[in-house]
Amino acid sequence: MTSVCRFLLSGPGLIGGQHARLVAAKPDCELAAIVAPDVEDNRDFATEHGVRFFTNISDAFDEEKIDAAIISSPNAFHYDQVISCISRGIPALVEKPVTDDIGDAARLVEEVERSGVPVLVGHHRHYSPLLDAALGFLHSERFGRLVALQGAALFYKPEHYFEDGPWRMVEGGGPILINLIHEIGLMRAFGGEIATVQAMASDDVRGFEVEDTVSVSLAFQNGALGTFLLSDAAASSKSWEMTSGENPAYPHFPGDNCYHFAGTNGSLDFPSMQAKFYGAEEDRSWWKTFEESRLELRRSNPLERQLDHFIDVIRKGAAPRVSVQDGYLNMLVVEAIRRSIRTRAAVDVAER
C-alpha cells in the first residue's frame, strides 16, 4: 500500500487555495501544514483544512513530518523558503517567478544541482493538453521548420485590481513581471531558446510608474523570428486566459487565438488548433491552396496534471518538467526585455 504523501503549503492565497484543494482531492496525499503571516484569514484557512498553522517554514519542518512542499508565497520569500526545503532534502514546487531576483535564481540553480533535491517551477501551462497538441504539430513534417511566431496577451484589468493591490502600480508589479513571464516559458517551449530581444513599453494609458503596454521582437537561436504584444489596458480577448478556456474565472472565446505559428510547410492558430499545410513539397506556393485540419485533443486541468507530475517527481524520481534552470532562463529573457526598454536597443539574452 502506498503511504500518504504529506504536503506543506506556504502561501494560502489565490493559487495556494487551488493547490490545497487539489492535494485534498488526492486519496494518497494530505495537507499537513500551512505557512503564512499571522493574520486571521490565514489562520482560518488552516482551520478550514484541519491542519496546523505556522508563521515560519523551519518550525513546520521541525514539528511535522513533511514529504513535499508547495511554495506559493509572495515572490520575495521564494528563495529562502526553497533553500530551506533543499537543506532538509524535501522536494518543492515553487510558483513562478522562481525568485524575485536574477542573482538568487542563479544561486538556486547551483544549489539544486549541488544537492540533487528536485525543485519544480510552477509554470503550469506547460502541462496543458493544448501545449502537447501544438508541439506535436510544430515538430511534424506537415509544419516544417519554424519561420515565425506571433503572440499576444491583451486584456483589461479593472480598476479594483490595482486598488486591491497598490504594489501592482509600482516597480516590480507591472505586466512584464506578472504576466509576460508565463509567455516567455511558452515561447521557449514553442520556438526554442531566445537569443536576442528588442522591446518598447508605454505607461500612457494608466499613467502608473510601471508599463501598461509592451511590444517585443524576438530572435530565436534556431533562426526563427517572433513578435509579442502585451497590455493590461487593452479591451481584447487575445490572451491565453480568454482563448484556452482552462480557467472558468475568465470568459471563453473559443474562436479566438493568442498565438500564430508559421513554418516552411504549414501554419497553426493556437489554441483554436486550426492547422493549414501543403500536401506536397511541390505544392508550396502562395498561389496554391492548403489542406486544413483541426488538431484533436483531450482537455484536462493543467494544475491537476502538474500536481500528478510533482507526485511522480517525489515518488518515482521523475525529472521536473519545468526545472529551476527553466525558471532562471525565463527570468533571464524578462531581464533582457526590461534592459532593452531602458536602453532602447537590441539586447542579447545571455548578457547580464
Protein backbone atom coordinates (compact mmCIF):
# COMPACT_ATOMS: atom_id res chain seq x y z
CA MET A 1 0.00 0.00 0.00
CA THR A 2 1.34 3.44 -0.96
CA SER A 3 2.00 5.70 2.03
CA VAL A 4 0.27 9.08 2.19
CA CYS A 5 2.36 11.99 0.89
CA ARG A 6 2.23 14.88 3.37
CA PHE A 7 2.41 18.39 1.88
CA LEU A 8 3.39 21.73 3.36
CA LEU A 9 1.78 24.74 1.68
CA SER A 10 3.40 28.15 2.04
CA GLY A 11 1.14 30.97 0.92
CA PRO A 12 -2.60 30.17 1.05
CA GLY A 13 -3.59 32.85 -1.44
CA LEU A 14 -5.44 32.57 -4.74
CA ILE A 15 -3.14 29.98 -6.33
CA GLY A 16 -2.34 28.41 -2.94
CA GLY A 17 -6.01 27.73 -2.38
CA GLN A 18 -6.18 25.86 -5.68
CA HIS A 19 -3.14 23.78 -4.73
CA ALA A 20 -4.73 22.96 -1.37
CA ARG A 21 -7.97 21.75 -2.99
CA LEU A 22 -6.09 19.57 -5.47
CA VAL A 23 -3.93 17.99 -2.76
CA ALA A 24 -7.01 17.30 -0.62
CA ALA A 25 -8.69 15.57 -3.58
CA LYS A 26 -5.88 13.01 -3.89
CA PRO A 27 -6.54 9.87 -1.80
CA ASP A 28 -2.80 9.26 -1.33
CA CYS A 29 -1.98 12.88 -0.38
CA GLU A 30 -2.81 15.18 2.50
CA LEU A 31 -2.15 18.73 3.56
CA ALA A 32 -0.02 18.67 6.73
CA ALA A 33 0.92 22.31 7.41
CA ILE A 34 0.19 25.89 6.33
CA VAL A 35 2.90 28.57 6.47
CA ALA A 36 1.83 32.21 6.19
CA PRO A 37 1.82 35.56 8.01
CA ASP A 38 -0.17 35.53 11.26
CA VAL A 39 -3.43 37.12 10.13
CA GLU A 40 -6.99 35.92 10.65
CA ASP A 41 -7.65 34.86 7.04
CA ASN A 42 -4.57 32.61 7.02
CA ARG A 43 -5.41 31.02 10.37
CA ASP A 44 -8.98 30.46 9.18
CA PHE A 45 -7.62 28.77 6.04
CA ALA A 46 -5.59 26.34 8.15
CA THR A 47 -8.56 25.64 10.43
CA GLU A 48 -10.82 25.05 7.44
CA HIS A 49 -8.39 22.44 6.12
CA GLY A 50 -7.79 20.88 9.54
CA VAL A 51 -4.03 21.42 9.57
CA ARG A 52 -1.53 23.19 11.81
CA PHE A 53 -0.62 26.80 11.15
CA PHE A 54 2.95 28.14 11.21
CA THR A 55 4.50 31.52 10.53
CA ASN A 56 7.94 30.03 9.86
CA ILE A 57 8.73 27.24 7.43
CA SER A 58 11.57 25.86 9.59
CA ASP A 59 9.22 25.44 12.55
CA ALA A 60 6.82 23.49 10.34
CA PHE A 61 9.60 21.17 9.22
CA ASP A 62 10.72 20.68 12.85
CA GLU A 63 7.27 19.86 14.20
CA GLU A 64 5.54 17.99 11.37
CA LYS A 65 6.50 15.11 9.10
CA ILE A 66 6.65 16.72 5.64
CA ASP A 67 7.30 14.83 2.40
CA ALA A 68 6.98 17.73 -0.07
CA ALA A 69 6.41 21.48 -0.14
CA ILE A 70 4.42 23.83 -2.35
CA ILE A 71 5.76 27.39 -2.22
CA SER A 72 3.13 29.90 -3.38
CA SER A 73 4.15 32.71 -1.02
CA PRO A 74 4.99 36.22 -2.31
CA ASN A 75 7.96 36.25 -4.68
CA ALA A 76 10.32 37.80 -2.12
CA PHE A 77 10.08 34.66 0.07
CA HIS A 78 10.67 32.09 -2.67
CA TYR A 79 14.47 31.87 -2.46
CA ASP A 80 14.78 31.47 1.30
CA GLN A 81 11.91 29.01 1.54
CA VAL A 82 13.15 26.81 -1.29
CA ILE A 83 16.65 26.84 0.24
CA SER A 84 15.05 25.66 3.49
CA CYS A 85 13.44 22.77 1.59
CA ILE A 86 16.71 21.85 -0.09
CA SER A 87 18.61 21.89 3.21
CA ARG A 88 16.20 19.25 4.53
CA GLY A 89 16.08 17.18 1.34
CA ILE A 90 12.40 17.97 0.73
CA PRO A 91 11.19 18.21 -2.91
CA ALA A 92 9.50 21.52 -3.69
CA LEU A 93 7.12 23.04 -6.20
CA VAL A 94 7.71 26.81 -6.28
CA GLU A 95 5.40 29.19 -8.10
CA LYS A 96 6.68 31.46 -10.85
CA PRO A 97 8.78 33.54 -10.92
CA VAL A 98 11.23 31.19 -9.26
CA THR A 99 12.65 34.14 -7.27
CA ASP A 100 12.29 37.92 -7.37
CA ASP A 101 15.99 38.42 -8.16
CA ILE A 102 18.00 37.08 -11.10
CA GLY A 103 21.09 36.57 -8.93
CA ASP A 104 19.11 34.50 -6.41
CA ALA A 105 17.67 32.46 -9.28
CA ALA A 106 21.19 31.64 -10.50
CA ARG A 107 22.25 30.66 -6.97
CA LEU A 108 19.18 28.45 -6.64
CA VAL A 109 20.14 26.62 -9.83
CA GLU A 110 23.55 25.91 -8.29
CA GLU A 111 22.01 24.67 -5.01
CA VAL A 112 19.64 22.30 -6.81
CA GLU A 113 22.47 20.90 -8.92
CA ARG A 114 24.72 20.52 -5.87
CA SER A 115 22.11 18.87 -3.64
CA GLY A 116 20.18 16.77 -6.12
CA VAL A 117 16.92 17.74 -4.36
CA PRO A 118 14.22 18.12 -7.06
CA VAL A 119 12.58 21.52 -7.41
CA LEU A 120 9.73 22.12 -9.86
CA VAL A 121 8.75 25.63 -11.03
CA GLY A 122 5.01 26.31 -11.32
CA HIS A 123 4.69 27.34 -14.96
CA HIS A 124 1.50 25.26 -15.05
CA ARG A 125 0.60 25.99 -18.69
CA HIS A 126 3.33 23.52 -19.69
CA TYR A 127 1.00 20.74 -18.51
CA SER A 128 -1.89 21.84 -20.70
CA PRO A 129 -3.06 19.31 -23.33
CA LEU A 130 -3.21 22.33 -25.67
CA LEU A 131 0.56 22.63 -25.48
CA ASP A 132 1.07 18.92 -26.12
CA ALA A 133 -1.16 19.02 -29.21
CA ALA A 134 0.52 22.13 -30.61
CA LEU A 135 4.05 20.79 -30.12
CA GLY A 136 3.09 17.55 -31.87
CA PHE A 137 2.16 19.53 -34.97
CA LEU A 138 5.05 22.01 -34.76
CA HIS A 139 7.52 19.13 -34.74
CA SER A 140 5.91 17.38 -37.71
CA GLU A 141 6.66 17.34 -41.45
CA ARG A 142 3.29 18.96 -42.09
CA PHE A 143 4.54 22.10 -40.34
CA GLY A 144 8.19 22.00 -41.41
CA ARG A 145 10.74 24.34 -39.86
CA LEU A 146 9.57 27.23 -37.68
CA VAL A 147 9.92 30.54 -39.53
CA ALA A 148 7.98 32.98 -37.35
CA LEU A 149 5.53 33.29 -34.48
CA GLN A 150 3.12 35.99 -33.35
CA GLY A 151 1.78 36.10 -29.81
CA ALA A 152 -0.41 38.31 -27.67
CA ALA A 153 -1.58 38.75 -24.08
CA LEU A 154 -4.08 41.59 -24.39
CA PHE A 155 -6.67 42.13 -21.64
CA TYR A 156 -8.18 44.85 -19.47
CA LYS A 157 -7.54 44.69 -15.74
CA PRO A 158 -10.28 46.56 -13.84
CA GLU A 159 -9.51 49.44 -11.51
CA HIS A 160 -10.18 47.43 -8.35
CA TYR A 161 -7.35 45.07 -9.36
CA PHE A 162 -4.95 47.91 -8.64
CA GLU A 163 -6.89 49.30 -5.67
CA ASP A 164 -6.78 45.87 -4.02
CA GLY A 165 -3.03 45.61 -4.66
CA PRO A 166 -1.34 49.02 -4.92
CA TRP A 167 2.03 47.26 -5.35
CA ARG A 168 0.87 46.42 -8.89
CA MET A 169 1.21 50.08 -9.84
CA VAL A 170 4.88 50.43 -8.87
CA GLU A 171 8.20 48.89 -9.83
CA GLY A 172 8.01 45.10 -9.69
CA GLY A 173 4.26 44.99 -10.25
CA GLY A 174 3.77 45.62 -13.95
CA PRO A 175 2.51 43.11 -16.52
CA ILE A 176 6.05 42.24 -17.64
CA LEU A 177 6.81 40.53 -14.33
CA ILE A 178 3.25 39.42 -13.53
CA ASN A 179 2.10 38.16 -16.95
CA LEU A 180 4.86 38.09 -19.55
CA ILE A 181 6.99 35.52 -17.74
CA HIS A 182 4.26 32.93 -18.47
CA GLU A 183 4.55 33.72 -22.16
CA ILE A 184 8.35 33.55 -22.16
CA GLY A 185 8.15 29.99 -20.89
CA LEU A 186 5.63 29.13 -23.61
CA MET A 187 7.65 30.75 -26.40
CA ARG A 188 10.77 28.87 -25.30
CA ALA A 189 8.73 25.65 -25.45
CA PHE A 190 7.32 26.50 -28.89
CA GLY A 191 10.38 28.02 -30.55
CA GLY A 192 13.45 27.02 -28.56
CA GLU A 193 15.89 29.29 -26.78
CA ILE A 194 15.61 33.04 -27.34
CA ALA A 195 18.83 34.72 -28.41
CA THR A 196 18.02 38.43 -28.73
CA VAL A 197 15.15 40.76 -27.84
CA GLN A 198 14.22 44.33 -28.64
CA ALA A 199 11.32 45.93 -26.80
CA MET A 200 9.34 49.12 -26.30
CA ALA A 201 6.99 49.94 -23.43
CA SER A 202 4.39 52.58 -22.66
CA ASP A 203 2.59 53.75 -19.50
CA ASP A 204 0.49 56.26 -21.41
CA VAL A 205 -2.94 54.72 -20.75
CA ARG A 206 -2.84 54.19 -16.99
CA GLY A 207 -0.03 56.62 -16.11
CA PHE A 208 1.40 54.31 -13.46
CA GLU A 209 5.05 54.01 -12.50
CA VAL A 210 5.09 50.70 -14.39
CA GLU A 211 4.27 49.88 -18.00
CA ASP A 212 0.78 49.02 -19.22
CA THR A 213 1.69 48.05 -22.80
CA VAL A 214 4.74 46.34 -24.27
CA SER A 215 5.88 45.33 -27.76
CA VAL A 216 8.67 42.75 -28.08
CA SER A 217 10.63 41.48 -31.08
CA LEU A 218 12.44 38.19 -30.58
CA ALA A 219 15.17 36.29 -32.42
CA PHE A 220 15.46 32.59 -31.59
CA GLN A 221 18.70 30.66 -31.63
CA ASN A 222 17.35 28.45 -34.43
CA GLY A 223 16.92 31.49 -36.71
CA ALA A 224 13.16 31.95 -36.30
CA LEU A 225 11.77 35.41 -35.52
CA GLY A 226 8.82 36.42 -33.39
CA THR A 227 6.73 39.30 -32.10
CA PHE A 228 4.67 39.63 -28.93
CA LEU A 229 2.16 42.25 -27.75
CA LEU A 230 1.34 42.62 -24.06
CA SER A 231 -1.13 45.00 -22.43
CA ASP A 232 -3.26 45.08 -19.29
CA ALA A 233 -5.14 48.15 -20.59
CA ALA A 234 -6.50 46.71 -23.84
CA ALA A 235 -10.12 45.66 -24.32
CA SER A 236 -9.27 42.47 -26.18
CA SER A 237 -9.75 38.71 -25.92
CA LYS A 238 -6.35 37.84 -27.42
CA SER A 239 -4.87 36.12 -24.37
CA TRP A 240 -4.29 32.59 -23.11
CA GLU A 241 -6.86 33.10 -20.35
CA MET A 242 -9.70 34.00 -22.72
CA THR A 243 -8.85 31.67 -25.61
CA SER A 244 -7.85 28.47 -23.80
CA GLY A 245 -11.00 28.07 -21.70
CA GLU A 246 -8.94 26.45 -18.92
CA ASN A 247 -9.81 28.93 -16.16
CA PRO A 248 -13.56 29.37 -15.54
CA ALA A 249 -12.88 32.74 -13.87
CA TYR A 250 -12.46 34.25 -17.36
CA PRO A 251 -14.90 34.41 -20.30
CA HIS A 252 -14.05 31.98 -23.09
CA PHE A 253 -13.73 32.93 -26.77
CA PRO A 254 -13.13 29.57 -28.48
CA GLY A 255 -12.80 31.05 -31.96
CA ASP A 256 -10.02 33.47 -30.98
CA ASN A 257 -6.30 32.81 -30.83
CA CYS A 258 -3.35 34.13 -28.85
CA TYR A 259 -0.57 32.61 -31.00
CA HIS A 260 0.09 32.03 -34.69
CA PHE A 261 2.95 29.82 -35.85
CA ALA A 262 4.27 29.84 -39.42
CA GLY A 263 6.56 27.11 -40.73
CA THR A 264 8.09 26.23 -44.08
CA ASN A 265 5.24 23.85 -44.93
CA GLY A 266 2.31 24.84 -42.73
CA SER A 267 0.88 27.07 -40.03
CA LEU A 268 -1.10 26.76 -36.80
CA ASP A 269 -3.51 29.07 -34.99
CA PHE A 270 -3.43 28.47 -31.23
CA PRO A 271 -5.46 27.44 -29.26
CA SER A 272 -8.27 27.01 -31.83
CA MET A 273 -5.88 24.38 -33.23
CA GLN A 274 -6.68 25.22 -36.85
CA ALA A 275 -3.83 23.90 -38.98
CA LYS A 276 -3.05 24.65 -42.62
CA PHE A 277 -0.36 22.86 -44.62
CA TYR A 278 0.72 21.98 -48.14
CA GLY A 279 0.13 18.40 -49.20
CA ALA A 280 3.42 18.01 -51.04
CA GLU A 281 6.67 19.95 -51.37
CA GLU A 282 5.92 20.89 -54.98
CA ASP A 283 2.62 22.47 -53.86
CA ARG A 284 4.32 25.10 -51.72
CA SER A 285 3.33 28.42 -53.26
CA TRP A 286 1.16 31.35 -52.35
CA TRP A 287 -0.85 30.50 -55.47
CA LYS A 288 -1.67 27.03 -54.11
CA THR A 289 -4.39 26.18 -51.62
CA PHE A 290 -3.78 24.49 -48.27
CA GLU A 291 -5.02 21.30 -46.77
CA GLU A 292 -6.74 22.09 -43.48
CA SER A 293 -7.49 20.24 -40.26
CA ARG A 294 -8.24 20.91 -36.62
CA LEU A 295 -5.93 19.17 -34.18
CA GLU A 296 -7.61 16.78 -31.76
CA LEU A 297 -7.02 17.00 -28.02
CA ARG A 298 -8.44 15.90 -24.70
CA ARG A 299 -8.90 18.71 -22.21
CA SER A 300 -7.83 18.44 -18.58
CA ASN A 301 -6.83 20.75 -15.75
CA PRO A 302 -3.15 21.81 -16.13
CA LEU A 303 -2.80 22.46 -12.37
CA GLU A 304 -4.04 18.94 -11.63
CA ARG A 305 -1.67 17.47 -14.22
CA GLN A 306 1.16 19.49 -12.68
CA LEU A 307 0.41 18.01 -9.25
CA ASP A 308 0.33 14.49 -10.74
CA HIS A 309 3.75 15.15 -12.25
CA PHE A 310 5.06 16.55 -8.96
CA ILE A 311 3.94 13.36 -7.22
CA ASP A 312 5.86 11.35 -9.83
CA VAL A 313 8.91 13.52 -9.10
CA ILE A 314 8.51 12.83 -5.37
CA ARG A 315 7.69 9.12 -5.52
CA LYS A 316 9.36 7.89 -8.71
CA GLY A 317 12.29 10.25 -9.19
CA ALA A 318 10.94 11.72 -12.43
CA ALA A 319 12.86 14.73 -13.75
CA PRO A 320 10.98 18.03 -13.25
CA ARG A 321 9.27 19.03 -16.47
CA VAL A 322 9.85 22.72 -15.64
CA SER A 323 13.12 22.88 -13.73
CA VAL A 324 14.76 25.66 -11.73
CA GLN A 325 17.06 26.11 -14.73
CA ASP A 326 13.97 26.75 -16.88
CA GLY A 327 12.68 29.25 -14.35
CA TYR A 328 16.05 31.01 -14.37
CA LEU A 329 16.17 31.13 -18.19
CA ASN A 330 12.66 32.63 -18.27
CA MET A 331 13.81 35.33 -15.87
CA LEU A 332 16.91 35.95 -17.98
CA VAL A 333 14.72 36.72 -21.02
CA VAL A 334 12.49 39.03 -18.93
CA GLU A 335 15.57 40.86 -17.66
CA ALA A 336 16.81 41.30 -21.25
CA ILE A 337 13.42 42.74 -22.25
CA ARG A 338 13.49 45.23 -19.40
CA ARG A 339 17.05 46.22 -20.26
CA SER A 340 16.09 46.70 -23.91
CA ILE A 341 13.27 49.02 -22.86
CA ARG A 342 15.68 51.10 -20.76
CA THR A 343 18.43 51.28 -23.40
CA ARG A 344 16.18 51.39 -26.48
CA ALA A 345 18.45 48.80 -28.10
CA ALA A 346 18.54 45.13 -29.00
CA VAL A 347 19.85 43.01 -26.12
CA ASP A 348 21.39 39.54 -26.22
CA VAL A 349 19.70 37.34 -23.64
CA ALA A 350 23.00 35.82 -22.49
CA GLU A 351 24.29 39.26 -21.44
CA ARG A 352 23.91 40.33 -17.79
